[in-house]
mmCIF file of all heavy atoms, coordinates in Angstrom:
data_MODEL
# 
_entry.id   MODEL 
# 
loop_
_atom_site.group_PDB 
_atom_site.id 
_atom_site.type_symbol 
_atom_site.label_atom_id 
_atom_site.label_alt_id 
_atom_site.label_comp_id 
_atom_site.label_asym_id 
_atom_site.label_entity_id 
_atom_site.label_seq_id 
_atom_site.pdbx_PDB_ins_code 
_atom_site.Cartn_x 
_atom_site.Cartn_y 
_atom_site.Cartn_z 
_atom_site.occupancy 
_atom_site.B_iso_or_equiv 
_atom_site.pdbx_formal_charge 
_atom_site.auth_seq_id 
_atom_site.auth_comp_id 
_atom_site.auth_asym_id 
_atom_site.auth_atom_id 
_atom_site.pdbx_PDB_model_num 
ATOM 1   N N   . GLU A 1 1  ? -95.395  -232.996 7.540  1.00 0.00 ? 1  GLU A N   1 
ATOM 2   C CA  . GLU A 1 1  ? -95.926  -233.941 8.525  1.00 0.00 ? 1  GLU A CA  1 
ATOM 3   C C   . GLU A 1 1  ? -97.066  -233.307 9.326  1.00 0.00 ? 1  GLU A C   1 
ATOM 4   O O   . GLU A 1 1  ? -98.090  -233.945 9.584  1.00 0.00 ? 1  GLU A O   1 
ATOM 5   C CB  . GLU A 1 1  ? -94.812  -234.420 9.447  1.00 0.00 ? 1  GLU A CB  1 
ATOM 6   C CG  . GLU A 1 1  ? -93.835  -235.351 8.756  1.00 0.00 ? 1  GLU A CG  1 
ATOM 7   C CD  . GLU A 1 1  ? -92.621  -235.682 9.610  1.00 0.00 ? 1  GLU A CD  1 
ATOM 8   O OE1 . GLU A 1 1  ? -92.445  -235.064 10.696 1.00 0.00 ? 1  GLU A OE1 1 
ATOM 9   O OE2 . GLU A 1 1  ? -91.842  -236.549 9.183  1.00 0.00 ? 1  GLU A OE2 1 
ATOM 10  N N   . LEU A 1 2  ? -96.891  -232.042 9.729  1.00 0.00 ? 2  LEU A N   1 
ATOM 11  C CA  . LEU A 1 2  ? -97.958  -231.347 10.457 1.00 0.00 ? 2  LEU A CA  1 
ATOM 12  C C   . LEU A 1 2  ? -99.199  -231.206 9.587  1.00 0.00 ? 2  LEU A C   1 
ATOM 13  O O   . LEU A 1 2  ? -100.328 -231.367 10.060 1.00 0.00 ? 2  LEU A O   1 
ATOM 14  C CB  . LEU A 1 2  ? -97.479  -229.957 10.895 1.00 0.00 ? 2  LEU A CB  1 
ATOM 15  C CG  . LEU A 1 2  ? -96.466  -229.907 12.030 1.00 0.00 ? 2  LEU A CG  1 
ATOM 16  C CD1 . LEU A 1 2  ? -95.914  -228.492 12.177 1.00 0.00 ? 2  LEU A CD1 1 
ATOM 17  C CD2 . LEU A 1 2  ? -97.099  -230.360 13.329 1.00 0.00 ? 2  LEU A CD2 1 
ATOM 18  N N   . ALA A 1 3  ? -99.004  -230.915 8.304  1.00 0.00 ? 3  ALA A N   1 
ATOM 19  C CA  . ALA A 1 3  ? -100.135 -230.754 7.387  1.00 0.00 ? 3  ALA A CA  1 
ATOM 20  C C   . ALA A 1 3  ? -100.857 -232.077 7.162  1.00 0.00 ? 3  ALA A C   1 
ATOM 21  O O   . ALA A 1 3  ? -102.090 -232.099 7.070  1.00 0.00 ? 3  ALA A O   1 
ATOM 22  C CB  . ALA A 1 3  ? -99.652  -230.187 6.060  1.00 0.00 ? 3  ALA A CB  1 
ATOM 23  N N   . ASP A 1 4  ? -100.121 -233.171 7.063  1.00 0.00 ? 4  ASP A N   1 
ATOM 24  C CA  . ASP A 1 4  ? -100.771 -234.477 6.909  1.00 0.00 ? 4  ASP A CA  1 
ATOM 25  C C   . ASP A 1 4  ? -101.649 -234.784 8.120  1.00 0.00 ? 4  ASP A C   1 
ATOM 26  O O   . ASP A 1 4  ? -102.745 -235.326 7.978  1.00 0.00 ? 4  ASP A O   1 
ATOM 27  C CB  . ASP A 1 4  ? -99.731  -235.580 6.715  1.00 0.00 ? 4  ASP A CB  1 
ATOM 28  C CG  . ASP A 1 4  ? -99.206  -235.647 5.292  1.00 0.00 ? 4  ASP A CG  1 
ATOM 29  O OD1 . ASP A 1 4  ? -99.892  -235.168 4.367  1.00 0.00 ? 4  ASP A OD1 1 
ATOM 30  O OD2 . ASP A 1 4  ? -98.097  -236.184 5.106  1.00 0.00 ? 4  ASP A OD2 1 
ATOM 31  N N   . ASP A 1 5  ? -101.163 -234.410 9.305  1.00 0.00 ? 5  ASP A N   1 
ATOM 32  C CA  . ASP A 1 5  ? -101.958 -234.619 10.518 1.00 0.00 ? 5  ASP A CA  1 
ATOM 33  C C   . ASP A 1 5  ? -103.188 -233.702 10.533 1.00 0.00 ? 5  ASP A C   1 
ATOM 34  O O   . ASP A 1 5  ? -104.262 -234.103 10.959 1.00 0.00 ? 5  ASP A O   1 
ATOM 35  C CB  . ASP A 1 5  ? -101.122 -234.353 11.767 1.00 0.00 ? 5  ASP A CB  1 
ATOM 36  C CG  . ASP A 1 5  ? -100.040 -235.406 11.983 1.00 0.00 ? 5  ASP A CG  1 
ATOM 37  O OD1 . ASP A 1 5  ? -100.135 -236.498 11.383 1.00 0.00 ? 5  ASP A OD1 1 
ATOM 38  O OD2 . ASP A 1 5  ? -99.086  -235.126 12.739 1.00 0.00 ? 5  ASP A OD2 1 
ATOM 39  N N   . HIS A 1 6  ? -103.021 -232.471 10.066 1.00 0.00 ? 6  HIS A N   1 
ATOM 40  C CA  . HIS A 1 6  ? -104.100 -231.482 10.121 1.00 0.00 ? 6  HIS A CA  1 
ATOM 41  C C   . HIS A 1 6  ? -105.107 -231.652 8.986  1.00 0.00 ? 6  HIS A C   1 
ATOM 42  O O   . HIS A 1 6  ? -106.313 -231.647 9.210  1.00 0.00 ? 6  HIS A O   1 
ATOM 43  C CB  . HIS A 1 6  ? -103.504 -230.077 10.085 1.00 0.00 ? 6  HIS A CB  1 
ATOM 44  C CG  . HIS A 1 6  ? -104.507 -228.978 10.213 1.00 0.00 ? 6  HIS A CG  1 
ATOM 45  N ND1 . HIS A 1 6  ? -105.089 -228.651 11.410 1.00 0.00 ? 6  HIS A ND1 1 
ATOM 46  C CD2 . HIS A 1 6  ? -105.039 -228.149 9.292  1.00 0.00 ? 6  HIS A CD2 1 
ATOM 47  C CE1 . HIS A 1 6  ? -105.933 -227.658 11.222 1.00 0.00 ? 6  HIS A CE1 1 
ATOM 48  N NE2 . HIS A 1 6  ? -105.921 -227.323 9.943  1.00 0.00 ? 6  HIS A NE2 1 
ATOM 49  N N   . TYR A 1 7  ? -104.624 -231.777 7.759  1.00 0.00 ? 7  TYR A N   1 
ATOM 50  C CA  . TYR A 1 7  ? -105.495 -231.822 6.585  1.00 0.00 ? 7  TYR A CA  1 
ATOM 51  C C   . TYR A 1 7  ? -105.802 -233.233 6.086  1.00 0.00 ? 7  TYR A C   1 
ATOM 52  O O   . TYR A 1 7  ? -106.683 -233.419 5.268  1.00 0.00 ? 7  TYR A O   1 
ATOM 53  C CB  . TYR A 1 7  ? -104.863 -231.052 5.411  1.00 0.00 ? 7  TYR A CB  1 
ATOM 54  C CG  . TYR A 1 7  ? -104.842 -229.567 5.599  1.00 0.00 ? 7  TYR A CG  1 
ATOM 55  C CD1 . TYR A 1 7  ? -103.640 -228.894 5.792  1.00 0.00 ? 7  TYR A CD1 1 
ATOM 56  C CD2 . TYR A 1 7  ? -106.009 -228.826 5.570  1.00 0.00 ? 7  TYR A CD2 1 
ATOM 57  C CE1 . TYR A 1 7  ? -103.610 -227.525 5.946  1.00 0.00 ? 7  TYR A CE1 1 
ATOM 58  C CE2 . TYR A 1 7  ? -105.992 -227.451 5.733  1.00 0.00 ? 7  TYR A CE2 1 
ATOM 59  C CZ  . TYR A 1 7  ? -104.781 -226.808 5.915  1.00 0.00 ? 7  TYR A CZ  1 
ATOM 60  O OH  . TYR A 1 7  ? -104.754 -225.452 6.074  1.00 0.00 ? 7  TYR A OH  1 
ATOM 61  N N   . GLY A 1 8  ? -105.053 -234.212 6.552  1.00 0.00 ? 8  GLY A N   1 
ATOM 62  C CA  . GLY A 1 8  ? -105.249 -235.567 6.050  1.00 0.00 ? 8  GLY A CA  1 
ATOM 63  C C   . GLY A 1 8  ? -104.309 -235.864 4.905  1.00 0.00 ? 8  GLY A C   1 
ATOM 64  O O   . GLY A 1 8  ? -103.383 -235.125 4.612  1.00 0.00 ? 8  GLY A O   1 
ATOM 65  N N   . ARG A 1 9  ? -104.574 -236.963 4.257  1.00 0.00 ? 9  ARG A N   1 
ATOM 66  C CA  . ARG A 1 9  ? -103.727 -237.435 3.166  1.00 0.00 ? 9  ARG A CA  1 
ATOM 67  C C   . ARG A 1 9  ? -103.556 -236.375 2.082  1.00 0.00 ? 9  ARG A C   1 
ATOM 68  O O   . ARG A 1 9  ? -104.507 -235.705 1.704  1.00 0.00 ? 9  ARG A O   1 
ATOM 69  C CB  . ARG A 1 9  ? -104.381 -238.681 2.567  1.00 0.00 ? 9  ARG A CB  1 
ATOM 70  C CG  . ARG A 1 9  ? -103.493 -239.470 1.708  1.00 0.00 ? 9  ARG A CG  1 
ATOM 71  C CD  . ARG A 1 9  ? -104.142 -240.813 1.395  1.00 0.00 ? 9  ARG A CD  1 
ATOM 72  N NE  . ARG A 1 9  ? -103.595 -241.301 0.156  1.00 0.00 ? 9  ARG A NE  1 
ATOM 73  C CZ  . ARG A 1 9  ? -104.259 -241.396 -0.978 1.00 0.00 ? 9  ARG A CZ  1 
ATOM 74  N NH1 . ARG A 1 9  ? -105.535 -241.088 -1.015 1.00 0.00 ? 9  ARG A NH1 1 
ATOM 75  N NH2 . ARG A 1 9  ? -103.673 -241.819 -2.061 1.00 0.00 ? 9  ARG A NH2 1 
ATOM 76  N N   . LYS A 1 10 ? -102.388 -236.225 1.578  1.00 0.00 ? 10 LYS A N   1 
ATOM 77  C CA  . LYS A 1 10 ? -101.993 -235.274 0.536  1.00 0.00 ? 10 LYS A CA  1 
ATOM 78  C C   . LYS A 1 10 ? -101.923 -233.828 1.009  1.00 0.00 ? 10 LYS A C   1 
ATOM 79  O O   . LYS A 1 10 ? -101.596 -232.939 0.236  1.00 0.00 ? 10 LYS A O   1 
ATOM 80  C CB  . LYS A 1 10 ? -102.896 -235.363 -0.688 1.00 0.00 ? 10 LYS A CB  1 
ATOM 81  C CG  . LYS A 1 10 ? -102.831 -236.690 -1.403 1.00 0.00 ? 10 LYS A CG  1 
ATOM 82  C CD  . LYS A 1 10 ? -103.654 -236.655 -2.655 1.00 0.00 ? 10 LYS A CD  1 
ATOM 83  C CE  . LYS A 1 10 ? -103.607 -238.015 -3.326 1.00 0.00 ? 10 LYS A CE  1 
ATOM 84  N NZ  . LYS A 1 10 ? -104.438 -238.044 -4.536 1.00 0.00 ? 10 LYS A NZ  1 
ATOM 85  N N   . GLY A 1 11 ? -102.237 -233.570 2.259  1.00 0.00 ? 11 GLY A N   1 
ATOM 86  C CA  . GLY A 1 11 ? -102.142 -232.201 2.771  1.00 0.00 ? 11 GLY A CA  1 
ATOM 87  C C   . GLY A 1 11 ? -100.716 -231.704 2.794  1.00 0.00 ? 11 GLY A C   1 
ATOM 88  O O   . GLY A 1 11 ? -100.456 -230.531 2.532  1.00 0.00 ? 11 GLY A O   1 
ATOM 89  N N   . GLY A 1 12 ? -99.784  -232.596 3.097  1.00 0.00 ? 12 GLY A N   1 
ATOM 90  C CA  . GLY A 1 12 ? -98.376  -232.221 3.168  1.00 0.00 ? 12 GLY A CA  1 
ATOM 91  C C   . GLY A 1 12 ? -97.826  -231.755 1.839  1.00 0.00 ? 12 GLY A C   1 
ATOM 92  O O   . GLY A 1 12 ? -97.067  -230.792 1.772  1.00 0.00 ? 12 GLY A O   1 
ATOM 93  N N   . ARG A 1 13 ? -98.229  -232.422 0.774  1.00 0.00 ? 13 ARG A N   1 
ATOM 94  C CA  . ARG A 1 13 ? -97.734  -232.048 -0.547 1.00 0.00 ? 13 ARG A CA  1 
ATOM 95  C C   . ARG A 1 13 ? -98.253  -230.663 -0.936 1.00 0.00 ? 13 ARG A C   1 
ATOM 96  O O   . ARG A 1 13 ? -97.512  -229.832 -1.457 1.00 0.00 ? 13 ARG A O   1 
ATOM 97  C CB  . ARG A 1 13 ? -98.145  -233.082 -1.580 1.00 0.00 ? 13 ARG A CB  1 
ATOM 98  C CG  . ARG A 1 13 ? -97.580  -232.801 -2.945 1.00 0.00 ? 13 ARG A CG  1 
ATOM 99  C CD  . ARG A 1 13 ? -97.848  -233.883 -3.911 1.00 0.00 ? 13 ARG A CD  1 
ATOM 100 N NE  . ARG A 1 13 ? -99.263  -234.281 -3.850 1.00 0.00 ? 13 ARG A NE  1 
ATOM 101 C CZ  . ARG A 1 13 ? -99.772  -235.265 -4.547 1.00 0.00 ? 13 ARG A CZ  1 
ATOM 102 N NH1 . ARG A 1 13 ? -99.010  -235.967 -5.338 1.00 0.00 ? 13 ARG A NH1 1 
ATOM 103 N NH2 . ARG A 1 13 ? -101.041 -235.571 -4.447 1.00 0.00 ? 13 ARG A NH2 1 
ATOM 104 N N   . LYS A 1 14 ? -99.519  -230.393 -0.658 1.00 0.00 ? 14 LYS A N   1 
ATOM 105 C CA  . LYS A 1 14 ? -100.089 -229.086 -0.986 1.00 0.00 ? 14 LYS A CA  1 
ATOM 106 C C   . LYS A 1 14 ? -99.442  -227.974 -0.168 1.00 0.00 ? 14 LYS A C   1 
ATOM 107 O O   . LYS A 1 14 ? -99.186  -226.881 -0.672 1.00 0.00 ? 14 LYS A O   1 
ATOM 108 C CB  . LYS A 1 14 ? -101.596 -229.107 -0.776 1.00 0.00 ? 14 LYS A CB  1 
ATOM 109 C CG  . LYS A 1 14 ? -102.315 -229.998 -1.770 1.00 0.00 ? 14 LYS A CG  1 
ATOM 110 C CD  . LYS A 1 14 ? -103.790 -230.054 -1.493 1.00 0.00 ? 14 LYS A CD  1 
ATOM 111 C CE  . LYS A 1 14 ? -104.472 -231.000 -2.469 1.00 0.00 ? 14 LYS A CE  1 
ATOM 112 N NZ  . LYS A 1 14 ? -105.908 -231.105 -2.207 1.00 0.00 ? 14 LYS A NZ  1 
ATOM 113 N N   . VAL A 1 15 ? -99.162  -228.261 1.097  1.00 0.00 ? 15 VAL A N   1 
ATOM 114 C CA  . VAL A 1 15 ? -98.500  -227.282 1.953  1.00 0.00 ? 15 VAL A CA  1 
ATOM 115 C C   . VAL A 1 15 ? -97.062  -227.054 1.482  1.00 0.00 ? 15 VAL A C   1 
ATOM 116 O O   . VAL A 1 15 ? -96.544  -225.940 1.533  1.00 0.00 ? 15 VAL A O   1 
ATOM 117 C CB  . VAL A 1 15 ? -98.559  -227.731 3.432  1.00 0.00 ? 15 VAL A CB  1 
ATOM 118 C CG1 . VAL A 1 15 ? -97.543  -227.003 4.282  1.00 0.00 ? 15 VAL A CG1 1 
ATOM 119 C CG2 . VAL A 1 15 ? -99.958  -227.495 3.979  1.00 0.00 ? 15 VAL A CG2 1 
ATOM 120 N N   . SER A 1 16 ? -96.432  -228.088 0.972  1.00 0.00 ? 16 SER A N   1 
ATOM 121 C CA  . SER A 1 16 ? -95.084  -227.946 0.433  1.00 0.00 ? 16 SER A CA  1 
ATOM 122 C C   . SER A 1 16 ? -95.081  -226.979 -0.746 1.00 0.00 ? 16 SER A C   1 
ATOM 123 O O   . SER A 1 16 ? -94.186  -226.133 -0.874 1.00 0.00 ? 16 SER A O   1 
ATOM 124 C CB  . SER A 1 16 ? -94.560  -229.314 -0.004 1.00 0.00 ? 16 SER A CB  1 
ATOM 125 O OG  . SER A 1 16 ? -93.295  -229.197 -0.610 1.00 0.00 ? 16 SER A OG  1 
ATOM 126 N N   . TYR A 1 17 ? -96.074  -227.080 -1.630 1.00 0.00 ? 17 TYR A N   1 
ATOM 127 C CA  . TYR A 1 17 ? -96.195  -226.149 -2.752 1.00 0.00 ? 17 TYR A CA  1 
ATOM 128 C C   . TYR A 1 17 ? -96.431  -224.723 -2.250 1.00 0.00 ? 17 TYR A C   1 
ATOM 129 O O   . TYR A 1 17 ? -95.857  -223.769 -2.767 1.00 0.00 ? 17 TYR A O   1 
ATOM 130 C CB  . TYR A 1 17 ? -97.342  -226.548 -3.677 1.00 0.00 ? 17 TYR A CB  1 
ATOM 131 C CG  . TYR A 1 17 ? -97.157  -227.864 -4.378 1.00 0.00 ? 17 TYR A CG  1 
ATOM 132 C CD1 . TYR A 1 17 ? -98.236  -228.693 -4.610 1.00 0.00 ? 17 TYR A CD1 1 
ATOM 133 C CD2 . TYR A 1 17 ? -95.906  -228.299 -4.802 1.00 0.00 ? 17 TYR A CD2 1 
ATOM 134 C CE1 . TYR A 1 17 ? -98.091  -229.914 -5.251 1.00 0.00 ? 17 TYR A CE1 1 
ATOM 135 C CE2 . TYR A 1 17 ? -95.742  -229.515 -5.446 1.00 0.00 ? 17 TYR A CE2 1 
ATOM 136 C CZ  . TYR A 1 17 ? -96.841  -230.323 -5.669 1.00 0.00 ? 17 TYR A CZ  1 
ATOM 137 O OH  . TYR A 1 17 ? -96.684  -231.526 -6.298 1.00 0.00 ? 17 TYR A OH  1 
ATOM 138 N N   . ALA A 1 18 ? -97.291  -224.582 -1.244 1.00 0.00 ? 18 ALA A N   1 
ATOM 139 C CA  . ALA A 1 18 ? -97.583  -223.260 -0.684 1.00 0.00 ? 18 ALA A CA  1 
ATOM 140 C C   . ALA A 1 18 ? -96.332  -222.652 -0.059 1.00 0.00 ? 18 ALA A C   1 
ATOM 141 O O   . ALA A 1 18 ? -96.057  -221.462 -0.228 1.00 0.00 ? 18 ALA A O   1 
ATOM 142 C CB  . ALA A 1 18 ? -98.709  -223.351 0.348  1.00 0.00 ? 18 ALA A CB  1 
ATOM 143 N N   . ALA A 1 19 ? -95.551  -223.460 0.656  1.00 0.00 ? 19 ALA A N   1 
ATOM 144 C CA  . ALA A 1 19 ? -94.319  -222.973 1.277  1.00 0.00 ? 19 ALA A CA  1 
ATOM 145 C C   . ALA A 1 19 ? -93.328  -222.514 0.209  1.00 0.00 ? 19 ALA A C   1 
ATOM 146 O O   . ALA A 1 19 ? -92.661  -221.486 0.369  1.00 0.00 ? 19 ALA A O   1 
ATOM 147 C CB  . ALA A 1 19 ? -93.699  -224.061 2.150  1.00 0.00 ? 19 ALA A CB  1 
ATOM 148 N N   . GLY A 1 20 ? -93.247  -223.252 -0.885 1.00 0.00 ? 20 GLY A N   1 
ATOM 149 C CA  . GLY A 1 20 ? -92.372  -222.858 -1.983 1.00 0.00 ? 20 GLY A CA  1 
ATOM 150 C C   . GLY A 1 20 ? -92.811  -221.544 -2.614 1.00 0.00 ? 20 GLY A C   1 
ATOM 151 O O   . GLY A 1 20 ? -91.984  -220.693 -2.951 1.00 0.00 ? 20 GLY A O   1 
ATOM 152 N N   . ALA A 1 21 ? -94.119  -221.353 -2.773 1.00 0.00 ? 21 ALA A N   1 
ATOM 153 C CA  . ALA A 1 21 ? -94.642  -220.106 -3.334 1.00 0.00 ? 21 ALA A CA  1 
ATOM 154 C C   . ALA A 1 21 ? -94.376  -218.931 -2.396 1.00 0.00 ? 21 ALA A C   1 
ATOM 155 O O   . ALA A 1 21 ? -94.015  -217.839 -2.840 1.00 0.00 ? 21 ALA A O   1 
ATOM 156 C CB  . ALA A 1 21 ? -96.135  -220.241 -3.610 1.00 0.00 ? 21 ALA A CB  1 
ATOM 157 N N   . LEU A 1 22 ? -94.540  -219.157 -1.094 1.00 0.00 ? 22 LEU A N   1 
ATOM 158 C CA  . LEU A 1 22 ? -94.261  -218.114 -0.110 1.00 0.00 ? 22 LEU A CA  1 
ATOM 159 C C   . LEU A 1 22 ? -92.773  -217.747 -0.127 1.00 0.00 ? 22 LEU A C   1 
ATOM 160 O O   . LEU A 1 22 ? -92.402  -216.577 -0.018 1.00 0.00 ? 22 LEU A O   1 
ATOM 161 C CB  . LEU A 1 22 ? -94.662  -218.568 1.290  1.00 0.00 ? 22 LEU A CB  1 
ATOM 162 C CG  . LEU A 1 22 ? -96.158  -218.634 1.568  1.00 0.00 ? 22 LEU A CG  1 
ATOM 163 C CD1 . LEU A 1 22 ? -96.424  -219.400 2.861  1.00 0.00 ? 22 LEU A CD1 1 
ATOM 164 C CD2 . LEU A 1 22 ? -96.747  -217.242 1.639  1.00 0.00 ? 22 LEU A CD2 1 
ATOM 165 N N   . HIS A 1 23 ? -91.931  -218.751 -0.285 1.00 0.00 ? 23 HIS A N   1 
ATOM 166 C CA  . HIS A 1 23 ? -90.487  -218.524 -0.345 1.00 0.00 ? 23 HIS A CA  1 
ATOM 167 C C   . HIS A 1 23 ? -90.136  -217.706 -1.588 1.00 0.00 ? 23 HIS A C   1 
ATOM 168 O O   . HIS A 1 23 ? -89.372  -216.743 -1.517 1.00 0.00 ? 23 HIS A O   1 
ATOM 169 C CB  . HIS A 1 23 ? -89.748  -219.866 -0.335 1.00 0.00 ? 23 HIS A CB  1 
ATOM 170 C CG  . HIS A 1 23 ? -88.265  -219.731 -0.307 1.00 0.00 ? 23 HIS A CG  1 
ATOM 171 N ND1 . HIS A 1 23 ? -87.511  -219.867 -1.439 1.00 0.00 ? 23 HIS A ND1 1 
ATOM 172 C CD2 . HIS A 1 23 ? -87.401  -219.473 0.708  1.00 0.00 ? 23 HIS A CD2 1 
ATOM 173 C CE1 . HIS A 1 23 ? -86.231  -219.705 -1.130 1.00 0.00 ? 23 HIS A CE1 1 
ATOM 174 N NE2 . HIS A 1 23 ? -86.146  -219.456 0.171  1.00 0.00 ? 23 HIS A NE2 1 
ATOM 175 N N   . GLY A 1 24 ? -90.710  -218.068 -2.710 1.00 0.00 ? 24 GLY A N   1 
ATOM 176 C CA  . GLY A 1 24 ? -90.457  -217.350 -3.949 1.00 0.00 ? 24 GLY A CA  1 
ATOM 177 C C   . GLY A 1 24 ? -90.949  -215.914 -3.917 1.00 0.00 ? 24 GLY A C   1 
ATOM 178 O O   . GLY A 1 24 ? -90.379  -215.034 -4.565 1.00 0.00 ? 24 GLY A O   1 
ATOM 179 N N   . ALA A 1 25 ? -92.007  -215.652 -3.161 1.00 0.00 ? 25 ALA A N   1 
ATOM 180 C CA  . ALA A 1 25 ? -92.573  -214.311 -3.059 1.00 0.00 ? 25 ALA A CA  1 
ATOM 181 C C   . ALA A 1 25 ? -91.892  -213.470 -1.979 1.00 0.00 ? 25 ALA A C   1 
ATOM 182 O O   . ALA A 1 25 ? -92.173  -212.285 -1.841 1.00 0.00 ? 25 ALA A O   1 
ATOM 183 C CB  . ALA A 1 25 ? -94.072  -214.397 -2.790 1.00 0.00 ? 25 ALA A CB  1 
ATOM 184 N N   . GLY A 1 26 ? -91.016  -214.084 -1.179 1.00 0.00 ? 26 GLY A N   1 
ATOM 185 C CA  . GLY A 1 26 ? -90.287  -213.347 -0.152 1.00 0.00 ? 26 GLY A CA  1 
ATOM 186 C C   . GLY A 1 26 ? -90.953  -213.287 1.204  1.00 0.00 ? 26 GLY A C   1 
ATOM 187 O O   . GLY A 1 26 ? -90.495  -212.575 2.091  1.00 0.00 ? 26 GLY A O   1 
ATOM 188 N N   . TYR A 1 27 ? -92.040  -214.040 1.389  1.00 0.00 ? 27 TYR A N   1 
ATOM 189 C CA  . TYR A 1 27 ? -92.727  -214.035 2.681  1.00 0.00 ? 27 TYR A CA  1 
ATOM 190 C C   . TYR A 1 27 ? -92.038  -214.923 3.709  1.00 0.00 ? 27 TYR A C   1 
ATOM 191 O O   . TYR A 1 27 ? -92.233  -214.751 4.904  1.00 0.00 ? 27 TYR A O   1 
ATOM 192 C CB  . TYR A 1 27 ? -94.188  -214.463 2.524  1.00 0.00 ? 27 TYR A CB  1 
ATOM 193 C CG  . TYR A 1 27 ? -95.002  -213.452 1.760  1.00 0.00 ? 27 TYR A CG  1 
ATOM 194 C CD1 . TYR A 1 27 ? -95.356  -213.668 0.442  1.00 0.00 ? 27 TYR A CD1 1 
ATOM 195 C CD2 . TYR A 1 27 ? -95.407  -212.270 2.362  1.00 0.00 ? 27 TYR A CD2 1 
ATOM 196 C CE1 . TYR A 1 27 ? -96.096  -212.733 -0.271 1.00 0.00 ? 27 TYR A CE1 1 
ATOM 197 C CE2 . TYR A 1 27 ? -96.140  -211.325 1.671  1.00 0.00 ? 27 TYR A CE2 1 
ATOM 198 C CZ  . TYR A 1 27 ? -96.477  -211.561 0.356  1.00 0.00 ? 27 TYR A CZ  1 
ATOM 199 O OH  . TYR A 1 27 ? -97.199  -210.630 -0.343 1.00 0.00 ? 27 TYR A OH  1 
ATOM 200 N N   . VAL A 1 28 ? -91.283  -215.891 3.253  1.00 0.00 ? 28 VAL A N   1 
ATOM 201 C CA  . VAL A 1 28 ? -90.484  -216.734 4.141  1.00 0.00 ? 28 VAL A CA  1 
ATOM 202 C C   . VAL A 1 28 ? -89.081  -216.855 3.545  1.00 0.00 ? 28 VAL A C   1 
ATOM 203 O O   . VAL A 1 28 ? -88.883  -216.663 2.344  1.00 0.00 ? 28 VAL A O   1 
ATOM 204 C CB  . VAL A 1 28 ? -91.100  -218.145 4.351  1.00 0.00 ? 28 VAL A CB  1 
ATOM 205 C CG1 . VAL A 1 28 ? -92.475  -218.058 4.970  1.00 0.00 ? 28 VAL A CG1 1 
ATOM 206 C CG2 . VAL A 1 28 ? -91.156  -218.930 3.074  1.00 0.00 ? 28 VAL A CG2 1 
# 
């Protein structure tokens, strides 16, 4: 939701992928 507000439409989905990658790499 924060990403959609910041980046506009489809920003949330891209941030979701980034969060998943960060989780898989151990950063979160």
